[in-house]
Amino acid sequence: MTFEIFFTLLVLTGMIAALVMDKMRPGMILFSVVILFMLVGILSPKEVLEGFSNKGMITVALLFLISEGIRQTGAISQLIKKLLPDKKTTIFKSQLRMLPCIAAISAFLNNTPVVVIFAPIIKHWAAKQNLPATKFLIPLSYATILGGVCTLIGTSTNLVVHGMILETGRQGFSMFELGKVGIFIALAGIIYIFCFSNKLLPNRRKDPVSEDSEEENHHELHRIEAVIGPRFPGINKSLKTFDFMRHYGAEVKEIKRNGESFTQDLENIPFRDGDTLVLIADDDFIPTWGESSVFLMLANGKDIDIHQKGNKKRRWFAMLLLIFMITGATVGELPRVKEMFPNLKLDMFFFVSITTVIMAWAKLFPPKKYTKYISWDILITIACAFAISKAMENSGFADMIASYIIGLADNLGPHMLLALLFIITNLFTEIITNNAAAALAFPIALSLSTQLGVSPTPFFVVICIAASASFSTPIGYQTNLIVQGIGNYKFTDFIRFGLPLNIITFLLSVILIPLFWKF
């Protein structure tokens, strides 16, 4: 084992440990790793910076703004309200109306804003219908994940892998190429949710902080649930060192994290990104902080929508722009269109850029505040993921791991290696971020295909599916964290209900991918 390989192994082990222990934001952890690789000469400064100019990374940034434009017009919140039945209904019938539509929406929009908008609306609707919200919130998160695997823009992971493929000089994915297998996985997953959510998901769980607390009745204050976002200034601080009341005019009554509920000794519990806080606040809290990136989601149990500022014309205009972007990116990949416009690259980046600029000038999102709607940590994570992937190639670490995997599989062939790659990637995505998991798996996939002398495309596709299929833990995907707090789920709820979905996704991927993309 050379020094470069040993150093890469040591640094990547430390990176995974730091991500699992949540020592700091993922972007800073990955950036630190990249700098270490540069210090020992495994990466050149040029290779460190290449990820920050990658087309896939910039496309993800622009898609944040497009999702915000759609969100601020109130288009998708109006849609979910129309889907929710007004009359008395059952869990199955309600899911049948909601989940396919939610999956379709998340195929073209960022998953997080979809869940942020839908979760409080669905929870309030379930309470009015006297149905347990616990039967709908995990299915909401899973439906957005399942929809995301169907298109190139459905999740940032697909765009990251697409960008890495382009870096190797190969042709990336077209708009709906991943849908060849993704749609079968989405259909199977939604059918599984229909059949087993009522049996495997818990019934109502009483919250330690009652919704009819004495403070609310006497002081006309309200119970509000707030999910902490990455820009919350009190992350890693406790109430003892961060005066929440002075900053936000609200009292923290409970902190929910990873299935645990903290109501005692709150002064000494540090805040974490993704925590759900139960607050006692007045009517001004949601209007004041609803548009802030400090909190990912705010809900007070009332049927209000702070995002519904736009009129019908603005909503229709936003949806037409979204259709223009999707159609343009799809048609632009056709061979005839490429021949007609040889000097133009009519790809996803081209149409996403145009759509973003039109939305900004039409003020579908506030153009003077556009930076606040971009999740910079995700972008830094993605940019660094490209560099880490390159470091694994440069050091020879990826080739060593690929040789080891081939040795384990012996003479079982590429199908077994495809299965092993899925398992490795999926385990990584359950304990660290999905983009970091894709970064670790991509160079291994490339080395596997090279050493076997087969096409790398099936291995690239399996990375996209496995890195997104985070169903067994709440920590693997941000939407799972959001619904965990608002639904009072335990960690074991995700394992019990999500693990079979992981297995279904694994089996369908290993069977279907080689049928559509030959080795």
Protein backbone atom coordinates (compact mmCIF):
# COMPACT_ATOMS: atom_id res chain seq x y z
CA MET A 1 0.00 0.00 0.00
CA THR A 2 1.50 3.31 -1.09
CA PHE A 3 1.55 6.45 1.06
CA GLU A 4 -1.10 8.09 -1.18
CA ILE A 5 -3.50 5.14 -0.76
CA PHE A 6 -2.90 4.93 3.01
CA PHE A 7 -3.38 8.68 3.43
CA THR A 8 -6.60 8.63 1.36
CA LEU A 9 -7.97 5.73 3.42
CA LEU A 10 -7.11 7.52 6.66
CA VAL A 11 -8.65 10.84 5.59
CA LEU A 12 -11.84 9.27 4.19
CA THR A 13 -12.31 7.26 7.40
CA GLY A 14 -11.98 10.48 9.38
CA MET A 15 -14.43 12.21 7.03
CA ILE A 16 -17.07 9.52 7.51
CA ALA A 17 -16.60 9.60 11.29
CA ALA A 18 -16.93 13.41 11.35
CA LEU A 19 -20.09 13.27 9.22
CA VAL A 20 -21.66 10.58 11.44
CA MET A 21 -20.80 12.50 14.65
CA ASP A 22 -22.13 15.73 13.07
CA LYS A 23 -19.08 17.69 14.23
CA MET A 24 -19.74 20.51 11.75
CA ARG A 25 -21.68 21.17 8.55
CA PRO A 26 -21.04 18.53 5.81
CA GLY A 27 -19.75 21.16 3.38
CA MET A 28 -17.00 22.27 5.76
CA ILE A 29 -16.05 18.67 6.57
CA LEU A 30 -15.66 17.82 2.89
CA PHE A 31 -13.83 21.07 2.19
CA SER A 32 -11.36 20.27 4.99
CA VAL A 33 -10.76 16.86 3.42
CA VAL A 34 -10.13 18.43 0.01
CA ILE A 35 -7.57 20.83 1.49
CA LEU A 36 -5.74 17.93 3.16
CA PHE A 37 -5.51 16.17 -0.20
CA MET A 38 -4.12 19.36 -1.74
CA LEU A 39 -1.53 19.75 1.03
CA VAL A 40 0.05 16.35 0.30
CA GLY A 41 -0.12 16.76 -3.48
CA ILE A 42 -2.86 14.22 -4.25
CA LEU A 43 -4.94 17.08 -5.67
CA SER A 44 -3.68 20.11 -7.55
CA PRO A 45 -5.24 23.55 -6.87
CA LYS A 46 -6.85 23.33 -10.32
CA GLU A 47 -8.50 19.99 -9.41
CA VAL A 48 -9.69 21.44 -6.09
CA LEU A 49 -11.49 24.27 -7.89
CA GLU A 50 -12.96 22.29 -10.80
CA GLY A 51 -15.99 21.17 -8.80
CA PHE A 52 -16.98 24.79 -8.10
CA SER A 53 -17.37 25.44 -11.83
CA ASN A 54 -19.03 22.13 -12.67
CA LYS A 55 -22.20 22.42 -14.70
CA GLY A 56 -24.07 19.95 -12.48
CA MET A 57 -23.29 21.91 -9.31
CA ILE A 58 -24.39 25.23 -10.83
CA THR A 59 -27.58 23.60 -12.16
CA VAL A 60 -28.42 22.50 -8.60
CA ALA A 61 -27.93 26.11 -7.40
CA LEU A 62 -30.31 27.47 -10.05
CA LEU A 63 -32.89 24.78 -9.30
CA PHE A 64 -33.05 26.07 -5.71
CA LEU A 65 -34.20 29.42 -7.11
CA ILE A 66 -36.72 27.84 -9.48
CA SER A 67 -38.20 25.79 -6.61
CA GLU A 68 -38.43 29.00 -4.57
CA GLY A 69 -40.23 30.77 -7.41
CA ILE A 70 -42.79 27.98 -7.62
CA ARG A 71 -43.16 27.92 -3.84
CA GLN A 72 -43.68 31.67 -3.43
CA THR A 73 -46.49 31.78 -6.00
CA GLY A 74 -48.41 29.24 -3.87
CA ALA A 75 -48.84 26.91 -6.86
CA ILE A 76 -48.03 23.62 -5.14
CA SER A 77 -49.71 24.50 -1.82
CA GLN A 78 -52.95 25.15 -3.73
CA LEU A 79 -52.54 21.82 -5.49
CA ILE A 80 -52.18 19.76 -2.30
CA LYS A 81 -55.24 21.47 -0.78
CA LYS A 82 -57.27 20.42 -3.81
CA LEU A 83 -55.99 16.84 -3.48
CA LEU A 84 -56.94 16.50 0.19
CA PRO A 85 -60.53 15.24 0.55
CA ASP A 86 -62.99 17.51 2.36
CA LYS A 87 -65.42 14.74 3.22
CA LYS A 88 -64.82 11.87 5.63
CA THR A 89 -62.34 9.47 4.09
CA THR A 90 -59.94 6.62 4.82
CA ILE A 91 -56.15 6.50 5.01
CA PHE A 92 -55.93 4.40 1.84
CA LYS A 93 -58.19 6.65 -0.24
CA SER A 94 -56.36 9.77 0.91
CA GLN A 95 -52.96 8.29 0.10
CA LEU A 96 -54.26 7.16 -3.29
CA ARG A 97 -55.10 10.78 -4.14
CA MET A 98 -51.97 12.33 -2.69
CA LEU A 99 -48.89 10.17 -3.14
CA PRO A 100 -48.74 9.71 -6.95
CA CYS A 101 -49.16 13.46 -7.43
CA ILE A 102 -46.52 14.25 -4.78
CA ALA A 103 -44.06 11.87 -6.47
CA ALA A 104 -44.74 13.54 -9.84
CA ILE A 105 -44.13 17.01 -8.40
CA SER A 106 -40.87 15.99 -6.71
CA ALA A 107 -39.57 14.60 -10.01
CA PHE A 108 -39.15 18.22 -11.14
CA LEU A 109 -38.78 20.25 -7.93
CA ASN A 110 -36.40 20.11 -4.99
CA ASN A 111 -37.75 17.63 -2.43
CA THR A 112 -37.22 19.80 0.65
CA PRO A 113 -39.58 22.70 -0.24
CA VAL A 114 -42.24 20.19 -1.32
CA VAL A 115 -42.14 18.52 2.12
CA VAL A 116 -41.83 21.87 3.94
CA ILE A 117 -45.03 23.12 2.28
CA PHE A 118 -47.02 19.89 2.37
CA ALA A 119 -46.19 18.55 5.86
CA PRO A 120 -48.00 21.18 8.01
CA ILE A 121 -50.95 21.28 5.58
CA ILE A 122 -51.33 17.48 5.72
CA LYS A 123 -50.91 17.39 9.50
CA HIS A 124 -53.62 20.01 10.01
CA TRP A 125 -55.93 18.27 7.52
CA ALA A 126 -55.43 14.89 9.26
CA ALA A 127 -56.38 16.43 12.62
CA LYS A 128 -59.62 17.83 11.12
CA GLN A 129 -60.39 14.43 9.57
CA ASN A 130 -59.61 12.65 12.86
CA LEU A 131 -56.94 10.58 11.09
CA PRO A 132 -53.43 9.99 12.52
CA ALA A 133 -50.92 12.25 10.77
CA THR A 134 -48.30 9.56 11.40
CA LYS A 135 -49.86 7.55 8.56
CA PHE A 136 -49.14 10.36 6.06
CA LEU A 137 -45.90 12.17 6.92
CA ILE A 138 -43.32 9.41 6.39
CA PRO A 139 -45.18 8.42 3.18
CA LEU A 140 -44.93 12.09 2.12
CA SER A 141 -41.13 12.05 2.52
CA TYR A 142 -40.77 8.67 0.81
CA ALA A 143 -42.97 9.72 -2.11
CA THR A 144 -40.73 12.73 -2.78
CA ILE A 145 -37.64 10.49 -2.73
CA LEU A 146 -39.29 7.98 -5.08
CA GLY A 147 -40.31 10.74 -7.49
CA GLY A 148 -36.80 12.18 -7.42
CA VAL A 149 -35.20 9.06 -8.92
CA CYS A 150 -37.31 9.36 -12.09
CA THR A 151 -35.64 12.40 -13.70
CA LEU A 152 -32.25 14.02 -14.03
CA ILE A 153 -33.35 17.03 -11.93
CA GLY A 154 -35.38 15.06 -9.38
CA THR A 155 -32.55 15.11 -6.87
CA SER A 156 -29.17 16.79 -6.59
CA THR A 157 -27.51 13.35 -6.48
CA ASN A 158 -28.53 12.63 -10.07
CA LEU A 159 -27.00 15.91 -11.21
CA VAL A 160 -23.82 15.23 -9.23
CA VAL A 161 -23.34 11.83 -10.89
CA HIS A 162 -24.26 13.38 -14.26
CA GLY A 163 -21.60 16.07 -13.71
CA MET A 164 -18.98 13.46 -12.80
CA ILE A 165 -19.78 11.51 -15.96
CA LEU A 166 -19.30 14.66 -18.06
CA GLU A 167 -15.94 15.23 -16.34
CA THR A 168 -14.75 11.85 -17.67
CA GLY A 169 -15.57 12.94 -21.23
CA ARG A 170 -18.57 10.65 -21.55
CA GLN A 171 -22.15 11.60 -22.41
CA GLY A 172 -24.28 12.18 -19.33
CA PHE A 173 -27.91 11.32 -18.67
CA SER A 174 -30.80 12.81 -20.62
CA MET A 175 -33.80 14.32 -18.81
CA PHE A 176 -35.86 11.12 -18.46
CA GLU A 177 -33.21 8.44 -18.95
CA LEU A 178 -33.15 7.45 -15.28
CA GLY A 179 -36.92 7.09 -15.45
CA LYS A 180 -36.47 3.82 -17.36
CA VAL A 181 -35.86 2.14 -14.02
CA GLY A 182 -36.92 4.97 -11.68
CA ILE A 183 -40.59 4.82 -12.63
CA PHE A 184 -40.78 1.10 -11.81
CA ILE A 185 -39.16 1.73 -8.43
CA ALA A 186 -41.52 4.66 -7.76
CA LEU A 187 -44.59 2.60 -8.66
CA ALA A 188 -43.48 -0.36 -6.56
CA GLY A 189 -42.63 1.94 -3.65
CA ILE A 190 -45.98 3.74 -3.73
CA ILE A 191 -47.84 0.41 -3.92
CA TYR A 192 -45.84 -0.78 -0.90
CA ILE A 193 -46.83 2.38 1.01
CA PHE A 194 -50.50 1.84 0.10
CA CYS A 195 -50.41 -1.75 1.32
CA PHE A 196 -48.33 -1.54 4.49
CA SER A 197 -48.33 2.01 5.90
CA ASN A 198 -51.47 1.43 7.95
CA LYS A 199 -49.97 -1.74 9.49
CA LEU A 200 -46.35 -0.69 10.02
CA LEU A 201 -46.60 3.03 10.83
CA PRO A 202 -47.59 4.06 14.38
CA ASN A 203 -50.92 5.56 15.39
CA ARG A 204 -51.18 8.95 17.07
CA ARG A 205 -48.48 9.80 19.57
CA LYS A 206 -49.21 12.36 22.26
CA ASP A 207 -46.67 15.17 22.34
CA PRO A 208 -45.08 15.91 25.73
CA VAL A 209 -45.99 19.57 25.22
CA SER A 210 -49.77 19.70 25.05
CA GLU A 211 -51.44 21.76 22.36
CA ASP A 212 -53.78 23.11 25.04
CA SER A 213 -51.08 24.32 27.41
CA GLU A 214 -51.87 26.69 30.22
CA GLU A 215 -49.69 29.42 28.72
CA GLU A 216 -51.71 29.46 25.54
CA ASN A 217 -55.04 29.81 27.30
CA HIS A 218 -53.96 32.56 29.65
CA HIS A 219 -51.67 34.64 27.51
CA GLU A 220 -53.15 34.12 24.05
CA LEU A 221 -49.92 32.47 22.91
CA HIS A 222 -49.73 29.55 20.52
CA ARG A 223 -47.88 26.29 20.13
CA ILE A 224 -45.59 26.43 17.06
CA GLU A 225 -43.33 23.78 15.58
CA ALA A 226 -40.16 25.06 13.94
CA VAL A 227 -37.53 22.99 12.12
CA ILE A 228 -34.04 24.49 12.50
CA GLY A 229 -32.31 25.32 9.21
CA PRO A 230 -28.56 25.48 8.46
CA ARG A 231 -28.49 29.29 8.90
CA PHE A 232 -29.85 29.22 12.45
CA PRO A 233 -27.24 31.23 14.45
CA GLY A 234 -27.60 29.07 17.57
CA ILE A 235 -26.42 25.76 16.07
CA ASN A 236 -24.15 23.90 18.55
CA LYS A 237 -25.16 26.40 21.24
CA SER A 238 -27.60 25.78 24.09
CA LEU A 239 -30.25 28.03 25.62
CA LYS A 240 -27.70 28.85 28.31
CA THR A 241 -25.42 30.56 25.75
CA PHE A 242 -27.98 31.52 23.09
CA ASP A 243 -30.92 33.66 24.21
CA PHE A 244 -33.69 32.29 21.99
CA MET A 245 -36.36 34.50 23.59
CA ARG A 246 -34.38 37.68 22.92
CA HIS A 247 -33.67 36.70 19.28
CA TYR A 248 -37.11 35.42 18.30
CA GLY A 249 -39.60 36.40 21.00
CA ALA A 250 -40.59 32.78 21.66
CA GLU A 251 -40.06 30.27 24.45
CA VAL A 252 -38.58 26.82 23.67
CA LYS A 253 -40.66 24.13 25.39
CA GLU A 254 -39.36 20.99 23.68
CA ILE A 255 -36.54 19.84 21.36
CA LYS A 256 -37.16 16.81 19.12
CA ARG A 257 -34.19 15.01 17.59
CA ASN A 258 -33.75 11.54 16.05
CA GLY A 259 -36.89 10.18 17.68
CA GLU A 260 -36.06 11.61 21.11
CA SER A 261 -38.00 14.34 22.87
CA PHE A 262 -36.26 16.66 25.33
CA THR A 263 -38.43 18.66 27.72
CA GLN A 264 -36.16 18.70 30.79
CA ASP A 265 -32.83 20.48 31.26
CA LEU A 266 -33.29 22.35 27.96
CA GLU A 267 -30.74 24.95 29.05
CA ASN A 268 -27.91 22.47 28.46
CA ILE A 269 -28.99 20.79 25.20
CA PRO A 270 -27.18 22.21 22.14
CA PHE A 271 -29.26 22.99 19.04
CA ARG A 272 -28.60 20.90 15.92
CA ASP A 273 -29.49 21.46 12.27
CA GLY A 274 -32.77 19.63 11.62
CA ASP A 275 -34.02 19.76 15.22
CA THR A 276 -37.74 20.36 15.61
CA LEU A 277 -38.49 22.94 18.29
CA VAL A 278 -41.85 23.23 20.03
CA LEU A 279 -42.27 26.92 20.84
CA ILE A 280 -44.78 29.09 22.67
CA ALA A 281 -45.11 32.32 20.67
CA ASP A 282 -47.62 34.98 19.64
CA ASP A 283 -49.35 35.55 16.29
CA ASP A 284 -46.44 37.61 14.92
CA PHE A 285 -43.91 34.79 14.98
CA ILE A 286 -44.88 33.00 11.73
CA PRO A 287 -45.35 36.18 9.62
CA THR A 288 -42.01 37.48 10.93
CA TRP A 289 -39.90 34.34 10.48
CA GLY A 290 -41.86 32.41 7.85
CA GLU A 291 -39.73 33.69 4.95
CA SER A 292 -36.45 33.37 6.85
CA SER A 293 -33.91 30.66 6.05
CA VAL A 294 -33.26 30.36 9.80
CA PHE A 295 -36.12 27.83 9.99
CA LEU A 296 -36.86 25.22 7.34
CA MET A 297 -40.51 24.95 8.34
CA LEU A 298 -42.98 26.62 10.66
CA ALA A 299 -46.36 25.17 11.62
CA ASN A 300 -48.90 26.29 14.20
CA GLY A 301 -51.67 23.76 13.55
CA LYS A 302 -53.82 26.28 11.70
CA ASP A 303 -54.96 26.13 8.09
CA ILE A 304 -52.91 29.09 6.90
CA ASP A 305 -50.34 29.38 4.17
CA ILE A 306 -47.79 32.17 4.53
CA HIS A 307 -46.48 31.44 1.02
CA GLN A 308 -49.75 32.08 -0.75
CA LYS A 309 -48.91 35.60 -1.87
CA GLY A 310 -49.37 35.20 -5.59
CA ASN A 311 -52.50 35.43 -7.66
CA LYS A 312 -53.69 32.89 -10.22
CA LYS A 313 -51.81 34.56 -13.10
CA ARG A 314 -48.51 34.33 -11.23
CA ARG A 315 -49.14 30.69 -10.35
CA TRP A 316 -49.94 29.78 -13.95
CA PHE A 317 -46.95 31.73 -15.22
CA ALA A 318 -44.65 29.87 -12.80
CA MET A 319 -46.04 26.49 -13.91
CA LEU A 320 -45.68 27.42 -17.60
CA LEU A 321 -42.03 28.32 -17.00
CA LEU A 322 -41.49 24.95 -15.32
CA ILE A 323 -43.09 23.16 -18.29
CA PHE A 324 -40.94 25.23 -20.69
CA MET A 325 -37.79 24.18 -18.80
CA ILE A 326 -38.67 20.48 -18.76
CA THR A 327 -39.83 20.39 -22.38
CA GLY A 328 -36.87 22.41 -23.62
CA ALA A 329 -34.32 20.20 -21.86
CA THR A 330 -36.02 17.06 -23.18
CA VAL A 331 -36.37 18.20 -26.79
CA GLY A 332 -32.90 19.75 -26.76
CA GLU A 333 -31.35 16.29 -26.33
CA LEU A 334 -32.95 14.91 -29.52
CA PRO A 335 -30.45 14.17 -32.34
CA ARG A 336 -32.46 16.20 -34.90
CA VAL A 337 -32.44 19.27 -32.63
CA LYS A 338 -28.70 18.92 -32.04
CA GLU A 339 -28.16 18.91 -35.81
CA MET A 340 -30.33 22.01 -36.24
CA PHE A 341 -28.40 23.98 -33.56
CA PRO A 342 -24.81 22.71 -33.69
CA ASN A 343 -23.42 25.79 -31.94
CA LEU A 344 -25.83 25.64 -29.00
CA LYS A 345 -25.79 23.10 -26.16
CA LEU A 346 -29.55 22.89 -25.49
CA ASP A 347 -29.21 20.86 -22.30
CA MET A 348 -30.70 21.11 -18.81
CA PHE A 349 -28.25 23.84 -17.74
CA PHE A 350 -29.25 25.98 -20.74
CA PHE A 351 -32.97 25.93 -19.97
CA VAL A 352 -32.58 26.09 -16.17
CA SER A 353 -30.51 29.27 -16.59
CA ILE A 354 -33.13 30.90 -18.85
CA THR A 355 -35.97 29.95 -16.51
CA THR A 356 -34.14 31.33 -13.46
CA VAL A 357 -33.48 34.69 -15.11
CA ILE A 358 -37.11 35.03 -16.26
CA MET A 359 -38.36 34.18 -12.76
CA ALA A 360 -36.03 36.78 -11.24
CA TRP A 361 -37.11 39.57 -13.62
CA ALA A 362 -40.77 38.60 -13.16
CA LYS A 363 -40.16 38.73 -9.38
CA LEU A 364 -41.54 35.25 -8.77
CA PHE A 365 -38.88 35.21 -6.06
CA PRO A 366 -37.35 38.42 -4.59
CA PRO A 367 -34.34 39.04 -6.87
CA LYS A 368 -32.60 41.23 -4.28
CA LYS A 369 -32.64 38.34 -1.79
CA TYR A 370 -31.88 35.47 -4.16
CA THR A 371 -28.79 34.32 -2.22
CA LYS A 372 -30.85 33.39 0.85
CA TYR A 373 -32.80 30.75 -1.09
CA ILE A 374 -29.71 28.78 -2.10
CA SER A 375 -28.44 26.09 0.27
CA TRP A 376 -24.75 26.95 0.11
CA ASP A 377 -23.69 24.04 2.28
CA ILE A 378 -25.18 21.59 -0.21
CA LEU A 379 -23.39 23.34 -3.06
CA ILE A 380 -20.04 23.29 -1.24
CA THR A 381 -20.62 19.61 -0.43
CA ILE A 382 -21.27 18.88 -4.11
CA ALA A 383 -18.26 20.88 -5.32
CA CYS A 384 -15.97 19.14 -2.84
CA ALA A 385 -17.47 15.77 -3.75
CA PHE A 386 -16.02 16.15 -7.26
CA ALA A 387 -12.56 16.83 -5.82
CA ILE A 388 -12.75 13.90 -3.36
CA SER A 389 -13.76 11.61 -6.21
CA LYS A 390 -10.74 12.83 -8.19
CA ALA A 391 -8.46 12.26 -5.19
CA MET A 392 -9.64 8.65 -4.94
CA GLU A 393 -8.66 8.18 -8.59
CA ASN A 394 -5.31 10.03 -8.37
CA SER A 395 -4.15 8.14 -5.28
CA GLY A 396 -5.00 4.70 -6.67
CA PHE A 397 -7.43 4.12 -3.78
CA ALA A 398 -10.42 3.61 -6.10
CA ASP A 399 -8.53 0.98 -8.14
CA MET A 400 -7.50 -0.85 -4.96
CA ILE A 401 -11.08 -0.96 -3.63
CA ALA A 402 -12.38 -2.06 -7.05
CA SER A 403 -9.83 -4.89 -7.18
CA TYR A 404 -10.81 -5.95 -3.66
CA ILE A 405 -14.51 -6.01 -4.56
CA ILE A 406 -13.81 -8.00 -7.72
CA GLY A 407 -11.80 -10.44 -5.61
CA LEU A 408 -14.71 -10.83 -3.19
CA ALA A 409 -17.16 -11.47 -6.03
CA ASP A 410 -14.64 -13.88 -7.63
CA ASN A 411 -16.13 -15.08 -10.91
CA LEU A 412 -19.74 -14.12 -10.24
CA GLY A 413 -19.72 -11.41 -12.91
CA PRO A 414 -20.84 -7.79 -13.23
CA HIS A 415 -24.36 -8.44 -11.89
CA MET A 416 -22.98 -9.39 -8.47
CA LEU A 417 -20.66 -6.37 -8.52
CA LEU A 418 -23.63 -4.16 -9.36
CA ALA A 419 -25.42 -5.55 -6.30
CA LEU A 420 -22.37 -4.99 -4.09
CA LEU A 421 -22.01 -1.41 -5.32
CA PHE A 422 -25.67 -0.72 -4.53
CA ILE A 423 -25.27 -2.05 -0.97
CA ILE A 424 -22.07 -0.05 -0.35
CA THR A 425 -23.56 3.19 -1.72
CA ASN A 426 -26.83 2.70 0.14
CA LEU A 427 -25.09 2.08 3.46
CA PHE A 428 -23.06 5.26 2.98
CA THR A 429 -26.14 7.33 2.15
CA GLU A 430 -27.93 6.13 5.31
CA ILE A 431 -25.12 7.35 7.58
CA ILE A 432 -23.66 10.32 5.66
CA THR A 433 -25.03 12.72 3.03
CA ASN A 434 -26.30 11.34 -0.29
CA ASN A 435 -23.93 13.52 -2.33
CA ALA A 436 -20.91 12.40 -0.29
CA ALA A 437 -22.02 8.79 -0.80
CA ALA A 438 -22.15 9.34 -4.57
CA ALA A 439 -18.68 10.94 -4.48
CA LEU A 440 -17.20 7.91 -2.72
CA ALA A 441 -18.95 5.39 -4.97
CA PHE A 442 -18.35 7.01 -8.38
CA PRO A 443 -14.58 6.41 -8.77
CA ILE A 444 -15.03 2.86 -7.47
CA ALA A 445 -17.72 2.28 -10.12
CA LEU A 446 -15.44 3.68 -12.81
CA SER A 447 -12.57 1.43 -11.73
CA LEU A 448 -14.84 -1.62 -11.51
CA SER A 449 -16.07 -1.19 -15.08
CA THR A 450 -12.55 -0.50 -16.37
CA GLN A 451 -11.05 -3.59 -14.72
CA LEU A 452 -13.92 -5.76 -15.93
CA GLY A 453 -13.84 -4.25 -19.42
CA VAL A 454 -17.58 -3.46 -19.40
CA SER A 455 -19.71 -0.33 -19.84
CA PRO A 456 -19.70 1.89 -16.73
CA THR A 457 -23.25 3.21 -17.34
CA PRO A 458 -25.10 0.50 -15.32
CA PHE A 459 -22.80 1.23 -12.37
CA PHE A 460 -23.41 4.98 -12.67
CA VAL A 461 -27.17 4.43 -12.71
CA VAL A 462 -27.05 2.19 -9.64
CA ILE A 463 -25.19 4.94 -7.75
CA CYS A 464 -27.99 7.42 -8.56
CA ILE A 465 -30.66 5.03 -7.26
CA ALA A 466 -28.78 3.75 -4.21
CA ALA A 467 -27.63 7.21 -3.07
CA SER A 468 -31.22 8.49 -3.14
CA ALA A 469 -32.91 5.42 -1.61
CA SER A 470 -32.61 6.60 1.99
CA PHE A 471 -35.60 5.04 3.72
CA SER A 472 -34.24 3.19 6.77
CA THR A 473 -33.00 6.12 8.87
CA PRO A 474 -34.16 9.71 9.40
CA ILE A 475 -30.60 11.07 9.17
CA GLY A 476 -29.87 10.01 5.59
CA TYR A 477 -32.22 12.50 3.93
CA GLN A 478 -33.32 15.99 5.01
CA THR A 479 -37.00 15.36 4.26
CA ASN A 480 -36.94 12.38 6.65
CA LEU A 481 -35.58 14.64 9.40
CA ILE A 482 -38.31 17.21 8.79
CA VAL A 483 -41.20 14.75 9.05
CA GLN A 484 -39.62 12.94 12.00
CA GLY A 485 -40.03 15.93 14.29
CA ILE A 486 -43.44 17.11 13.13
CA GLY A 487 -44.81 13.54 13.19
CA ASN A 488 -43.25 12.51 16.53
CA TYR A 489 -41.68 9.45 14.89
CA LYS A 490 -39.10 7.26 16.58
CA PHE A 491 -35.91 6.09 14.88
CA THR A 492 -37.31 2.55 14.82
CA ASP A 493 -40.36 3.69 12.80
CA PHE A 494 -38.07 4.43 9.85
CA ILE A 495 -36.28 1.08 10.18
CA ARG A 496 -39.50 -0.94 10.44
CA PHE A 497 -41.26 0.79 7.54
CA GLY A 498 -38.28 1.87 5.43
CA LEU A 499 -36.07 -1.24 5.40
CA PRO A 500 -38.46 -3.30 3.23
CA LEU A 501 -38.56 -0.34 0.80
CA ASN A 502 -34.75 -0.38 0.66
CA ILE A 503 -34.89 -4.08 -0.20
CA ILE A 504 -37.54 -3.54 -2.89
CA THR A 505 -35.44 -0.77 -4.43
CA PHE A 506 -32.34 -2.97 -4.33
CA LEU A 507 -33.99 -5.94 -6.02
CA LEU A 508 -35.63 -3.87 -8.77
CA SER A 509 -32.40 -1.97 -9.44
CA VAL A 510 -30.24 -5.07 -9.77
CA ILE A 511 -32.80 -6.79 -12.02
CA LEU A 512 -33.85 -3.86 -14.23
CA ILE A 513 -30.70 -1.77 -14.70
CA PRO A 514 -28.82 -4.43 -16.77
CA LEU A 515 -31.92 -4.81 -18.98
CA PHE A 516 -31.90 -1.13 -19.99
CA TRP A 517 -28.15 -0.45 -19.91
CA LYS A 518 -26.06 -3.37 -21.15
CA PHE A 519 -22.69 -4.16 -19.58
